[in-house]
């Protein structure tokens, strides 16, 4: 190291500050509702989403299922997508598979 120069060391890890969220209120019944399903793009997530959609509609009376497939499993769902789903859906499930 040359005299007079300094070195900056960066920590590559994510921030440790956890965000706190309130639990969403529970729906009293799923019949007639619209449910959003977010596919996290992991292997077999699409298979899980298809089956979950079928079960929600056939066994619980959900009238409509809206799905969104993330571009990559390593990135969060964009805020505009979450806002759109929240405006259209009575409930949203982030579906995970592997």
PDB file of N, CA and C in Angstrom:
ATOM      1  N   UNK A   1       0.850  -1.167   0.000  1.00  0.00           N
ATOM      2  CA  UNK A   1       0.000   0.000   0.000  1.00  0.00           C
ATOM      3  C   UNK A   1       0.895   1.229   0.000  1.00  0.00           C
ATOM      4  N   UNK A   2       0.528   2.181  -0.816  1.00  0.00           N
ATOM      5  CA  UNK A   2       1.290   3.412  -0.922  1.00  0.00           C
ATOM      6  C   UNK A   2       0.951   4.313   0.253  1.00  0.00           C
ATOM      7  N   UNK A   3       1.943   4.932   0.803  1.00  0.00           N
ATOM      8  CA  UNK A   3       1.741   5.826   1.937  1.00  0.00           C
ATOM      9  C   UNK A   3       0.759   6.936   1.566  1.00  0.00           C
ATOM     10  N   UNK A   4      -0.178   7.220   2.450  1.00  0.00           N
ATOM     11  CA  UNK A   4      -1.143   8.279   2.226  1.00  0.00           C
ATOM     12  C   UNK A   4      -2.446   7.799   1.611  1.00  0.00           C
ATOM     13  N   UNK A   5      -2.528   6.550   1.141  1.00  0.00           N
ATOM     14  CA  UNK A   5      -3.763   6.026   0.574  1.00  0.00           C
ATOM     15  C   UNK A   5      -4.486   5.201   1.622  1.00  0.00           C
ATOM     16  N   UNK A   6      -5.798   5.150   1.517  1.00  0.00           N
ATOM     17  CA  UNK A   6      -6.574   4.333   2.447  1.00  0.00           C
ATOM     18  C   UNK A   6      -7.332   3.258   1.671  1.00  0.00           C
ATOM     19  N   UNK A   7      -7.716   2.232   2.366  1.00  0.00           N
ATOM     20  CA  UNK A   7      -8.460   1.130   1.771  1.00  0.00           C
ATOM     21  C   UNK A   7      -9.828   1.061   2.423  1.00  0.00           C
ATOM     22  N   UNK A   8     -10.853   0.905   1.597  1.00  0.00           N
ATOM     23  CA  UNK A   8     -12.206   0.747   2.104  1.00  0.00           C
ATOM     24  C   UNK A   8     -12.609  -0.703   1.915  1.00  0.00           C
ATOM     25  N   UNK A   9     -13.082  -1.323   2.976  1.00  0.00           N
ATOM     26  CA  UNK A   9     -13.538  -2.706   2.915  1.00  0.00           C
ATOM     27  C   UNK A   9     -15.062  -2.697   3.004  1.00  0.00           C
ATOM     28  N   UNK A  10     -15.713  -3.328   2.027  1.00  0.00           N
ATOM     29  CA  UNK A  10     -17.167  -3.409   2.004  1.00  0.00           C
ATOM     30  C   UNK A  10     -17.615  -4.786   2.435  1.00  0.00           C
ATOM     31  N   UNK A  11     -18.665  -4.828   3.216  1.00  0.00           N
ATOM     32  CA  UNK A  11     -19.255  -6.095   3.646  1.00  0.00           C
ATOM     33  C   UNK A  11     -20.274  -6.509   2.583  1.00  0.00           C
ATOM     34  N   UNK A  12     -20.112  -7.698   1.974  1.00  0.00           N
ATOM     35  CA  UNK A  12     -21.000  -8.097   0.874  1.00  0.00           C
ATOM     36  C   UNK A  12     -22.359  -8.642   1.317  1.00  0.00           C
ATOM     37  N   UNK A  13     -22.574  -8.804   2.603  1.00  0.00           N
ATOM     38  CA  UNK A  13     -23.825  -9.384   3.085  1.00  0.00           C
ATOM     39  C   UNK A  13     -24.974  -8.402   3.055  1.00  0.00           C
ATOM     40  N   UNK A  14     -26.177  -8.925   3.125  1.00  0.00           N
ATOM     41  CA  UNK A  14     -27.382  -8.097   3.152  1.00  0.00           C
ATOM     42  C   UNK A  14     -27.510  -7.410   4.503  1.00  0.00           C
ATOM     43  N   UNK A  15     -28.300  -6.372   4.530  1.00  0.00           N
ATOM     44  CA  UNK A  15     -28.554  -5.671   5.777  1.00  0.00           C
ATOM     45  C   UNK A  15     -29.273  -6.600   6.753  1.00  0.00           C
ATOM     46  N   UNK A  16     -29.003  -6.441   8.015  1.00  0.00           N
ATOM     47  CA  UNK A  16     -29.619  -7.276   9.031  1.00  0.00           C
ATOM     48  C   UNK A  16     -30.895  -6.675   9.612  1.00  0.00           C
ATOM     49  N   UNK A  17     -31.292  -5.518   9.144  1.00  0.00           N
ATOM     50  CA  UNK A  17     -32.485  -4.856   9.682  1.00  0.00           C
ATOM     51  C   UNK A  17     -33.738  -5.517   9.116  1.00  0.00           C
ATOM     52  N   UNK A  18     -34.478  -6.175   9.971  1.00  0.00           N
ATOM     53  CA  UNK A  18     -35.701  -6.856   9.538  1.00  0.00           C
ATOM     54  C   UNK A  18     -36.866  -5.868   9.505  1.00  0.00           C
ATOM     55  N   UNK A  19     -37.702  -5.996   8.465  1.00  0.00           N
ATOM     56  CA  UNK A  19     -38.906  -5.176   8.390  1.00  0.00           C
ATOM     57  C   UNK A  19     -40.029  -5.900   9.106  1.00  0.00           C
ATOM     58  N   UNK A  20     -40.825  -5.150   9.859  1.00  0.00           N
ATOM     59  CA  UNK A  20     -41.944  -5.755  10.581  1.00  0.00           C
ATOM     60  C   UNK A  20     -43.233  -5.536   9.801  1.00  0.00           C
ATOM     61  N   UNK A  21     -44.032  -6.585   9.733  1.00  0.00           N
ATOM     62  CA  UNK A  21     -45.302  -6.530   9.034  1.00  0.00           C
ATOM     63  C   UNK A  21     -46.408  -6.985   9.971  1.00  0.00           C
ATOM     64  N   UNK A  22     -47.580  -6.440   9.754  1.00  0.00           N
ATOM     65  CA  UNK A  22     -48.768  -6.898  10.467  1.00  0.00           C
ATOM     66  C   UNK A  22     -49.345  -8.090   9.705  1.00  0.00           C
ATOM     67  N   UNK A  23     -49.976  -9.005  10.402  1.00  0.00           N
ATOM     68  CA  UNK A  23     -50.656 -10.111   9.734  1.00  0.00           C
ATOM     69  C   UNK A  23     -51.879  -9.580   9.003  1.00  0.00           C
ATOM     70  N   UNK A  24     -52.133 -10.117   7.833  1.00  0.00           N
ATOM     71  CA  UNK A  24     -53.321  -9.729   7.076  1.00  0.00           C
ATOM     72  C   UNK A  24     -54.553 -10.285   7.769  1.00  0.00           C
ATOM     73  N   UNK A  25     -55.653  -9.557   7.719  1.00  0.00           N
ATOM     74  CA  UNK A  25     -56.882 -10.100   8.310  1.00  0.00           C
ATOM     75  C   UNK A  25     -57.316 -11.357   7.553  1.00  0.00           C
ATOM     76  N   UNK A  26     -57.857 -12.305   8.280  1.00  0.00           N
ATOM     77  CA  UNK A  26     -58.304 -13.569   7.681  1.00  0.00           C
ATOM     78  C   UNK A  26     -59.645 -13.374   6.983  1.00  0.00           C
ATOM     79  N   UNK A  27     -59.798 -14.014   5.836  1.00  0.00           N
ATOM     80  CA  UNK A  27     -61.085 -14.015   5.156  1.00  0.00           C
ATOM     81  C   UNK A  27     -61.986 -15.024   5.863  1.00  0.00           C
ATOM     82  N   UNK A  28     -63.250 -14.680   6.030  1.00  0.00           N
ATOM     83  CA  UNK A  28     -64.157 -15.617   6.703  1.00  0.00           C
ATOM     84  C   UNK A  28     -64.510 -16.794   5.807  1.00  0.00           C
ATOM     85  N   UNK A  29     -64.446 -16.584   4.479  1.00  0.00           N
ATOM     86  CA  UNK A  29     -64.792 -17.630   3.526  1.00  0.00           C
ATOM     87  C   UNK A  29     -64.103 -17.319   2.198  1.00  0.00           C
ATOM     88  N   UNK A  30     -63.694 -18.331   1.469  1.00  0.00           N
ATOM     89  CA  UNK A  30     -63.064 -18.123   0.165  1.00  0.00           C
ATOM     90  C   UNK A  30     -64.063 -18.126  -0.984  1.00  0.00           C
ATOM     91  N   UNK A  31     -65.281 -18.564  -0.728  1.00  0.00           N
ATOM     92  CA  UNK A  31     -66.280 -18.677  -1.788  1.00  0.00           C
ATOM     93  C   UNK A  31     -66.531 -17.312  -2.428  1.00  0.00           C
ATOM     94  N   UNK A  32     -66.423 -17.290  -3.781  1.00  0.00           N
ATOM     95  CA  UNK A  32     -66.679 -16.076  -4.533  1.00  0.00           C
ATOM     96  C   UNK A  32     -65.540 -15.068  -4.549  1.00  0.00           C
ATOM     97  N   UNK A  33     -64.405 -15.406  -3.967  1.00  0.00           N
ATOM     98  CA  UNK A  33     -63.283 -14.467  -3.895  1.00  0.00           C
ATOM     99  C   UNK A  33     -62.363 -14.603  -5.107  1.00  0.00           C
ATOM    100  N   UNK A  34     -61.487 -13.621  -5.244  1.00  0.00           N
ATOM    101  CA  UNK A  34     -60.418 -13.654  -6.232  1.00  0.00           C
ATOM    102  C   UNK A  34     -59.111 -13.804  -5.465  1.00  0.00           C
ATOM    103  N   UNK A  35     -58.313 -14.793  -5.847  1.00  0.00           N
ATOM    104  CA  UNK A  35     -57.057 -15.068  -5.157  1.00  0.00           C
ATOM    105  C   UNK A  35     -55.897 -14.893  -6.128  1.00  0.00           C
ATOM    106  N   UNK A  36     -54.885 -14.162  -5.698  1.00  0.00           N
ATOM    107  CA  UNK A  36     -53.677 -13.990  -6.486  1.00  0.00           C
ATOM    108  C   UNK A  36     -52.625 -14.989  -6.051  1.00  0.00           C
ATOM    109  N   UNK A  37     -51.955 -15.617  -7.002  1.00  0.00           N
ATOM    110  CA  UNK A  37     -50.892 -16.569  -6.711  1.00  0.00           C
ATOM    111  C   UNK A  37     -49.611 -16.085  -7.374  1.00  0.00           C
ATOM    112  N   UNK A  38     -48.570 -15.903  -6.576  1.00  0.00           N
ATOM    113  CA  UNK A  38     -47.278 -15.472  -7.098  1.00  0.00           C
ATOM    114  C   UNK A  38     -46.378 -16.688  -7.217  1.00  0.00           C
ATOM    115  N   UNK A  39     -45.973 -16.981  -8.432  1.00  0.00           N
ATOM    116  CA  UNK A  39     -45.078 -18.096  -8.742  1.00  0.00           C
ATOM    117  C   UNK A  39     -43.644 -17.592  -8.566  1.00  0.00           C
ATOM    118  N   UNK A  40     -42.894 -18.198  -7.648  1.00  0.00           N
ATOM    119  CA  UNK A  40     -41.548 -17.697  -7.354  1.00  0.00           C
ATOM    120  C   UNK A  40     -40.489 -18.133  -8.360  1.00  0.00           C
ATOM    121  N   UNK A  41     -40.885 -18.831  -9.406  1.00  0.00           N
ATOM    122  CA  UNK A  41     -40.003 -19.239 -10.510  1.00  0.00           C
ATOM    123  C   UNK A  41     -39.065 -20.401 -10.158  1.00  0.00           C
ATOM    124  N   UNK A  42     -39.270 -21.032  -9.014  1.00  0.00           N
ATOM    125  CA  UNK A  42     -38.472 -22.213  -8.701  1.00  0.00           C
ATOM    126  C   UNK A  42     -39.047 -23.407  -9.452  1.00  0.00           C
ATOM    127  N   UNK A  43     -38.240 -24.441  -9.528  1.00  0.00           N
ATOM    128  CA  UNK A  43     -38.644 -25.659 -10.220  1.00  0.00           C
ATOM    129  C   UNK A  43     -39.945 -26.200  -9.612  1.00  0.00           C
ATOM    130  N   UNK A  44     -40.871 -26.538 -10.455  1.00  0.00           N
ATOM    131  CA  UNK A  44     -42.182 -27.100 -10.103  1.00  0.00           C
ATOM    132  C   UNK A  44     -43.149 -26.108  -9.464  1.00  0.00           C
ATOM    133  N   UNK A  45     -42.772 -24.850  -9.370  1.00  0.00           N
ATOM    134  CA  UNK A  45     -43.705 -23.863  -8.833  1.00  0.00           C
ATOM    135  C   UNK A  45     -44.945 -23.770  -9.723  1.00  0.00           C
ATOM    136  N   UNK A  46     -44.760 -23.858 -11.034  1.00  0.00           N
ATOM    137  CA  UNK A  46     -45.894 -23.799 -11.953  1.00  0.00           C
ATOM    138  C   UNK A  46     -46.842 -24.977 -11.750  1.00  0.00           C
ATOM    139  N   UNK A  47     -46.290 -26.149 -11.435  1.00  0.00           N
ATOM    140  CA  UNK A  47     -47.107 -27.338 -11.170  1.00  0.00           C
ATOM    141  C   UNK A  47     -47.904 -27.138  -9.884  1.00  0.00           C
ATOM    142  N   UNK A  48     -47.238 -26.607  -8.863  1.00  0.00           N
ATOM    143  CA  UNK A  48     -47.890 -26.327  -7.582  1.00  0.00           C
ATOM    144  C   UNK A  48     -48.999 -25.286  -7.756  1.00  0.00           C
ATOM    145  N   UNK A  49     -48.706 -24.226  -8.511  1.00  0.00           N
ATOM    146  CA  UNK A  49     -49.692 -23.166  -8.749  1.00  0.00           C
ATOM    147  C   UNK A  49     -50.926 -23.723  -9.457  1.00  0.00           C
ATOM    148  N   UNK A  50     -50.717 -24.554 -10.462  1.00  0.00           N
ATOM    149  CA  UNK A  50     -51.846 -25.129 -11.199  1.00  0.00           C
ATOM    150  C   UNK A  50     -52.723 -25.974 -10.277  1.00  0.00           C
ATOM    151  N   UNK A  51     -52.108 -26.792  -9.445  1.00  0.00           N
ATOM    152  CA  UNK A  51     -52.882 -27.640  -8.523  1.00  0.00           C
ATOM    153  C   UNK A  51     -53.556 -26.800  -7.443  1.00  0.00           C
ATOM    154  N   UNK A  52     -52.850 -25.832  -6.898  1.00  0.00           N
ATOM    155  CA  UNK A  52     -53.437 -24.969  -5.871  1.00  0.00           C
ATOM    156  C   UNK A  52     -54.625 -24.204  -6.452  1.00  0.00           C
ATOM    157  N   UNK A  53     -54.486 -23.716  -7.665  1.00  0.00           N
ATOM    158  CA  UNK A  53     -55.575 -23.013  -8.328  1.00  0.00           C
ATOM    159  C   UNK A  53     -56.801 -23.917  -8.474  1.00  0.00           C
ATOM    160  N   UNK A  54     -56.569 -25.154  -8.910  1.00  0.00           N
ATOM    161  CA  UNK A  54     -57.665 -26.112  -9.067  1.00  0.00           C
ATOM    162  C   UNK A  54     -58.361 -26.371  -7.741  1.00  0.00           C
ATOM    163  N   UNK A  55     -57.579 -26.627  -6.696  1.00  0.00           N
ATOM    164  CA  UNK A  55     -58.151 -26.923  -5.373  1.00  0.00           C
ATOM    165  C   UNK A  55     -58.932 -25.726  -4.836  1.00  0.00           C
ATOM    166  N   UNK A  56     -58.365 -24.528  -4.970  1.00  0.00           N
ATOM    167  CA  UNK A  56     -59.056 -23.332  -4.478  1.00  0.00           C
ATOM    168  C   UNK A  56     -60.398 -23.143  -5.167  1.00  0.00           C
ATOM    169  N   UNK A  57     -60.447 -23.395  -6.469  1.00  0.00           N
ATOM    170  CA  UNK A  57     -61.694 -23.191  -7.201  1.00  0.00           C
ATOM    171  C   UNK A  57     -62.692 -24.327  -6.989  1.00  0.00           C
ATOM    172  N   UNK A  58     -62.229 -25.562  -7.070  1.00  0.00           N
ATOM    173  CA  UNK A  58     -63.144 -26.705  -6.988  1.00  0.00           C
ATOM    174  C   UNK A  58     -63.580 -27.027  -5.558  1.00  0.00           C
ATOM    175  N   UNK A  59     -62.689 -26.879  -4.602  1.00  0.00           N
ATOM    176  CA  UNK A  59     -63.017 -27.301  -3.235  1.00  0.00           C
ATOM    177  C   UNK A  59     -63.375 -26.149  -2.291  1.00  0.00           C
ATOM    178  N   UNK A  60     -62.975 -24.924  -2.634  1.00  0.00           N
ATOM    179  CA  UNK A  60     -63.228 -23.798  -1.741  1.00  0.00           C
ATOM    180  C   UNK A  60     -64.073 -22.700  -2.386  1.00  0.00           C
ATOM    181  N   UNK A  61     -64.467 -22.875  -3.655  1.00  0.00           N
ATOM    182  CA  UNK A  61     -65.369 -21.940  -4.290  1.00  0.00           C
ATOM    183  C   UNK A  61     -64.770 -20.612  -4.718  1.00  0.00           C
ATOM    184  N   UNK A  62     -63.440 -20.554  -4.818  1.00  0.00           N
ATOM    185  CA  UNK A  62     -62.805 -19.332  -5.315  1.00  0.00           C
ATOM    186  C   UNK A  62     -63.288 -19.101  -6.738  1.00  0.00           C
ATOM    187  N   UNK A  63     -63.731 -17.883  -7.037  1.00  0.00           N
ATOM    188  CA  UNK A  63     -64.300 -17.633  -8.368  1.00  0.00           C
ATOM    189  C   UNK A  63     -63.247 -17.324  -9.418  1.00  0.00           C
ATOM    190  N   UNK A  64     -62.123 -16.744  -8.999  1.00  0.00           N
ATOM    191  CA  UNK A  64     -61.096 -16.376  -9.971  1.00  0.00           C
ATOM    192  C   UNK A  64     -59.718 -16.462  -9.332  1.00  0.00           C
ATOM    193  N   UNK A  65     -58.748 -16.965 -10.107  1.00  0.00           N
ATOM    194  CA  UNK A  65     -57.354 -17.013  -9.667  1.00  0.00           C
ATOM    195  C   UNK A  65     -56.527 -16.199 -10.652  1.00  0.00           C
ATOM    196  N   UNK A  66     -55.752 -15.273 -10.122  1.00  0.00           N
ATOM    197  CA  UNK A  66     -54.861 -14.435 -10.925  1.00  0.00           C
ATOM    198  C   UNK A  66     -53.434 -14.862 -10.593  1.00  0.00           C
ATOM    199  N   UNK A  67     -52.629 -15.143 -11.610  1.00  0.00           N
ATOM    200  CA  UNK A  67     -51.257 -15.583 -11.338  1.00  0.00           C
ATOM    201  C   UNK A  67     -50.238 -14.602 -11.896  1.00  0.00           C
ATOM    202  N   UNK A  68     -49.104 -14.564 -11.228  1.00  0.00           N
ATOM    203  CA  UNK A  68     -47.959 -13.775 -11.680  1.00  0.00           C
ATOM    204  C   UNK A  68     -46.720 -14.639 -11.484  1.00  0.00           C
ATOM    205  N   UNK A  69     -45.895 -14.761 -12.502  1.00  0.00           N
ATOM    206  CA  UNK A  69     -44.642 -15.526 -12.407  1.00  0.00           C
ATOM    207  C   UNK A  69     -43.477 -14.544 -12.349  1.00  0.00           C
ATOM    208  N   UNK A  70     -42.715 -14.621 -11.276  1.00  0.00           N
ATOM    209  CA  UNK A  70     -41.566 -13.744 -11.127  1.00  0.00           C
ATOM    210  C   UNK A  70     -40.538 -14.020 -12.224  1.00  0.00           C
ATOM    211  N   UNK A  71     -39.780 -12.996 -12.594  1.00  0.00           N
ATOM    212  CA  UNK A  71     -38.745 -13.139 -13.627  1.00  0.00           C
ATOM    213  C   UNK A  71     -37.610 -14.026 -13.132  1.00  0.00           C
ATOM    214  N   UNK A  72     -37.385 -14.020 -11.830  1.00  0.00           N
ATOM    215  CA  UNK A  72     -36.316 -14.813 -11.234  1.00  0.00           C
ATOM    216  C   UNK A  72     -36.649 -15.046  -9.769  1.00  0.00           C
ATOM    217  N   UNK A  73     -36.236 -16.189  -9.263  1.00  0.00           N
ATOM    218  CA  UNK A  73     -36.494 -16.493  -7.853  1.00  0.00           C
ATOM    219  C   UNK A  73     -35.684 -15.619  -6.904  1.00  0.00           C
ATOM    220  N   UNK A  74     -34.646 -14.992  -7.415  1.00  0.00           N
ATOM    221  CA  UNK A  74     -33.744 -14.236  -6.544  1.00  0.00           C
ATOM    222  C   UNK A  74     -34.112 -12.762  -6.405  1.00  0.00           C
ATOM    223  N   UNK A  75     -35.184 -12.329  -7.081  1.00  0.00           N
ATOM    224  CA  UNK A  75     -35.580 -10.931  -6.949  1.00  0.00           C
ATOM    225  C   UNK A  75     -36.977 -10.850  -6.348  1.00  0.00           C
ATOM    226  N   UNK A  76     -37.257  -9.774  -5.629  1.00  0.00           N
ATOM    227  CA  UNK A  76     -38.599  -9.644  -5.051  1.00  0.00           C
ATOM    228  C   UNK A  76     -39.641  -9.341  -6.131  1.00  0.00           C
ATOM    229  N   UNK A  77     -40.880  -9.605  -5.799  1.00  0.00           N
ATOM    230  CA  UNK A  77     -41.977  -9.235  -6.692  1.00  0.00           C
ATOM    231  C   UNK A  77     -42.035  -7.714  -6.755  1.00  0.00           C
ATOM    232  N   UNK A  78     -42.067  -7.146  -7.964  1.00  0.00           N
ATOM    233  CA  UNK A  78     -42.093  -5.679  -8.083  1.00  0.00           C
ATOM    234  C   UNK A  78     -43.292  -5.057  -7.361  1.00  0.00           C
ATOM    235  N   UNK A  79     -43.077  -3.888  -6.786  1.00  0.00           N
ATOM    236  CA  UNK A  79     -44.143  -3.198  -6.051  1.00  0.00           C
ATOM    237  C   UNK A  79     -45.370  -2.946  -6.907  1.00  0.00           C
ATOM    238  N   UNK A  80     -45.180  -2.591  -8.190  1.00  0.00           N
ATOM    239  CA  UNK A  80     -46.342  -2.315  -9.038  1.00  0.00           C
ATOM    240  C   UNK A  80     -47.179  -3.578  -9.272  1.00  0.00           C
ATOM    241  N   UNK A  81     -46.528  -4.728  -9.315  1.00  0.00           N
ATOM    242  CA  UNK A  81     -47.254  -5.997  -9.457  1.00  0.00           C
ATOM    243  C   UNK A  81     -48.026  -6.292  -8.175  1.00  0.00           C
ATOM    244  N   UNK A  82     -47.379  -6.102  -7.033  1.00  0.00           N
ATOM    245  CA  UNK A  82     -48.070  -6.317  -5.755  1.00  0.00           C
ATOM    246  C   UNK A  82     -49.267  -5.378  -5.615  1.00  0.00           C
ATOM    247  N   UNK A  83     -49.087  -4.112  -6.011  1.00  0.00           N
ATOM    248  CA  UNK A  83     -50.189  -3.150  -5.945  1.00  0.00           C
ATOM    249  C   UNK A  83     -51.336  -3.573  -6.844  1.00  0.00           C
ATOM    250  N   UNK A  84     -51.018  -4.047  -8.053  1.00  0.00           N
ATOM    251  CA  UNK A  84     -52.036  -4.491  -8.994  1.00  0.00           C
ATOM    252  C   UNK A  84     -52.795  -5.705  -8.452  1.00  0.00           C
ATOM    253  N   UNK A  85     -52.049  -6.659  -7.916  1.00  0.00           N
ATOM    254  CA  UNK A  85     -52.689  -7.842  -7.333  1.00  0.00           C
ATOM    255  C   UNK A  85     -53.553  -7.468  -6.135  1.00  0.00           C
ATOM    256  N   UNK A  86     -53.049  -6.576  -5.295  1.00  0.00           N
ATOM    257  CA  UNK A  86     -53.799  -6.157  -4.112  1.00  0.00           C
ATOM    258  C   UNK A  86     -55.101  -5.458  -4.497  1.00  0.00           C
ATOM    259  N   UNK A  87     -55.079  -4.712  -5.601  1.00  0.00           N
ATOM    260  CA  UNK A  87     -56.285  -4.013  -6.051  1.00  0.00           C
ATOM    261  C   UNK A  87     -57.319  -4.981  -6.616  1.00  0.00           C
ATOM    262  N   UNK A  88     -56.863  -6.075  -7.206  1.00  0.00           N
ATOM    263  CA  UNK A  88     -57.765  -7.014  -7.882  1.00  0.00           C
ATOM    264  C   UNK A  88     -58.174  -8.200  -7.017  1.00  0.00           C
ATOM    265  N   UNK A  89     -57.344  -8.560  -6.042  1.00  0.00           N
ATOM    266  CA  UNK A  89     -57.533  -9.817  -5.311  1.00  0.00           C
ATOM    267  C   UNK A  89     -57.972  -9.602  -3.866  1.00  0.00           C
ATOM    268  N   UNK A  90     -58.729 -10.586  -3.369  1.00  0.00           N
ATOM    269  CA  UNK A  90     -59.127 -10.585  -1.964  1.00  0.00           C
ATOM    270  C   UNK A  90     -58.024 -11.164  -1.088  1.00  0.00           C
ATOM    271  N   UNK A  91     -57.176 -12.001  -1.673  1.00  0.00           N
ATOM    272  CA  UNK A  91     -56.053 -12.621  -0.950  1.00  0.00           C
ATOM    273  C   UNK A  91     -54.939 -12.911  -1.953  1.00  0.00           C
ATOM    274  N   UNK A  92     -53.703 -12.912  -1.455  1.00  0.00           N
ATOM    275  CA  UNK A  92     -52.538 -13.210  -2.302  1.00  0.00           C
ATOM    276  C   UNK A  92     -51.700 -14.260  -1.592  1.00  0.00           C
ATOM    277  N   UNK A  93     -51.267 -15.271  -2.352  1.00  0.00           N
ATOM    278  CA  UNK A  93     -50.399 -16.328  -1.818  1.00  0.00           C
ATOM    279  C   UNK A  93     -49.099 -16.309  -2.598  1.00  0.00           C
ATOM    280  N   UNK A  94     -47.997 -16.229  -1.873  1.00  0.00           N
ATOM    281  CA  UNK A  94     -46.695 -16.341  -2.526  1.00  0.00           C
ATOM    282  C   UNK A  94     -46.348 -17.816  -2.500  1.00  0.00           C
ATOM    283  N   UNK A  95     -46.456 -18.469  -3.662  1.00  0.00           N
ATOM    284  CA  UNK A  95     -46.299 -19.915  -3.753  1.00  0.00           C
ATOM    285  C   UNK A  95     -44.851 -20.284  -4.000  1.00  0.00           C
ATOM    286  N   UNK A  96     -44.353 -21.213  -3.225  1.00  0.00           N
ATOM    287  CA  UNK A  96     -42.967 -21.658  -3.305  1.00  0.00           C
ATOM    288  C   UNK A  96     -42.923 -23.138  -3.648  1.00  0.00           C
ATOM    289  N   UNK A  97     -42.033 -23.496  -4.536  1.00  0.00           N
ATOM    290  CA  UNK A  97     -41.843 -24.908  -4.859  1.00  0.00           C
ATOM    291  C   UNK A  97     -40.375 -25.117  -5.205  1.00  0.00           C
ATOM    292  N   UNK A  98     -39.944 -26.334  -5.213  1.00  0.00           N
ATOM    293  CA  UNK A  98     -38.562 -26.647  -5.527  1.00  0.00           C
ATOM    294  C   UNK A  98     -38.444 -28.106  -5.898  1.00  0.00           C
TER     295      UNK A  98
END
